[in-house]
Protein backbone atom coordinates (compact mmCIF):
# COMPACT_ATOMS: atom_id res chain seq x y z
CA UNK A 1 -2.86 44.04 43.16
CA UNK A 2 -4.12 41.39 41.65
CA UNK A 3 -2.09 39.38 39.53
CA UNK A 4 -3.63 37.04 36.51
CA UNK A 5 -1.67 33.81 35.72
CA UNK A 6 -1.61 34.20 32.32
CA UNK A 7 -0.70 30.42 30.02
CA UNK A 8 0.78 29.84 26.71
CA UNK A 9 4.27 28.72 25.25
CA UNK A 10 7.34 31.44 26.03
CA UNK A 11 9.10 32.51 22.66
CA UNK A 12 12.28 30.01 24.32
CA UNK A 13 9.72 27.76 24.96
CA UNK A 14 8.34 27.59 21.52
CA UNK A 15 11.96 27.67 19.58
CA UNK A 16 13.46 24.94 21.73
CA UNK A 17 10.51 23.15 20.11
CA UNK A 18 11.34 23.61 17.03
CA UNK A 19 14.66 23.36 17.49
CA UNK A 20 13.52 19.95 18.50
CA UNK A 21 11.42 19.16 15.03
CA UNK A 22 14.46 19.98 13.00
CA UNK A 23 16.78 17.73 14.52
CA UNK A 24 13.97 15.06 13.63
CA UNK A 25 13.50 15.69 10.86
CA UNK A 26 17.04 15.88 9.48
CA UNK A 27 17.76 12.75 11.10
CA UNK A 28 14.62 10.64 10.00
CA UNK A 29 15.23 12.41 6.55
CA UNK A 30 17.55 10.24 5.21
CA UNK A 31 15.57 6.58 6.56
CA UNK A 32 12.16 7.77 4.66
CA UNK A 33 14.34 8.44 1.23
CA UNK A 34 15.45 4.42 1.84
CA UNK A 35 11.94 3.35 3.08
CA UNK A 36 10.57 4.43 -0.45
CA UNK A 37 13.23 3.47 -2.35
CA UNK A 38 12.51 -0.08 -0.95
CA UNK A 39 9.19 0.38 -1.78
CA UNK A 40 9.27 1.45 -4.96
CA UNK A 41 10.97 -2.43 -5.39
CA UNK A 42 8.90 -3.48 -3.65
CA UNK A 43 6.20 -2.44 -5.10
CA UNK A 44 7.99 -3.34 -9.08
CA UNK A 45 9.01 -6.66 -7.98
CA UNK A 46 5.23 -7.52 -7.43
CA UNK A 47 4.31 -6.59 -10.81
CA UNK A 48 6.75 -8.08 -12.06
CA UNK A 49 5.40 -12.02 -10.69
CA UNK A 50 1.77 -10.68 -11.34
CA UNK A 51 2.37 -10.79 -14.89
CA UNK A 52 4.83 -13.81 -14.48
CA UNK A 53 2.75 -15.89 -12.59
CA UNK A 54 -0.59 -16.05 -15.33
CA UNK A 55 2.07 -16.68 -18.27
CA UNK A 56 3.38 -19.63 -15.89
CA UNK A 57 -0.28 -20.82 -16.19
CA UNK A 58 -0.52 -20.36 -19.99
CA UNK A 59 2.44 -22.10 -20.02
CA UNK A 60 1.57 -24.71 -18.44
CA UNK A 61 -1.87 -25.28 -19.89
CA UNK A 62 -0.97 -25.12 -23.34
CA UNK A 63 2.12 -27.42 -22.80
CA UNK A 64 4.27 -24.83 -24.45
CA UNK A 65 7.55 -22.29 -24.05
CA UNK A 66 5.19 -19.06 -23.73
CA UNK A 67 7.25 -15.73 -24.57
CA UNK A 68 7.38 -12.46 -22.32
CA UNK A 69 8.28 -9.15 -24.35
CA UNK A 70 7.94 -5.88 -22.76
CA UNK A 71 5.38 -3.51 -25.25
CA UNK A 72 5.74 -0.16 -25.77
CA UNK A 73 2.18 2.58 -26.31
CA UNK A 74 1.21 0.77 -29.32
CA UNK A 75 1.60 -2.60 -27.75
CA UNK A 76 3.90 -3.52 -29.85
CA UNK A 77 6.80 -5.94 -28.52
CA UNK A 78 9.79 -4.01 -28.36
CA UNK A 79 13.53 -5.64 -29.13
CA UNK A 80 15.72 -6.00 -26.25
CA UNK A 81 17.60 -2.82 -24.92
CA UNK A 82 15.59 -0.46 -27.12
CA UNK A 83 13.27 2.04 -24.58
CA UNK A 84 9.81 2.49 -23.77
CA UNK A 85 9.12 6.03 -26.43
CA UNK A 86 7.83 8.32 -24.23
CA UNK A 87 9.04 7.23 -20.95
CA UNK A 88 5.23 5.02 -20.91
CA UNK A 89 5.78 2.62 -18.88
CA UNK A 90 6.05 -1.12 -20.29
């Protein structure tokens, strides 16, 4: 009788690997969410700094006070506390 060597994975091995992947995914998801929120905050901070630096340069160059304001879609200044229409970015 000639027995051939079969290569591959058994159902048990596949189930163990899938269980390990599921456990790793379960533990890594919360840290991914925290990382994503921190990245969003960092991006907004960089955007704010990129807005403030030219305003500072203008104030120094003019020797006068420069005022920054949030704008709506029509590029009109918004009053403090007023939300943007349509959820557009300031």
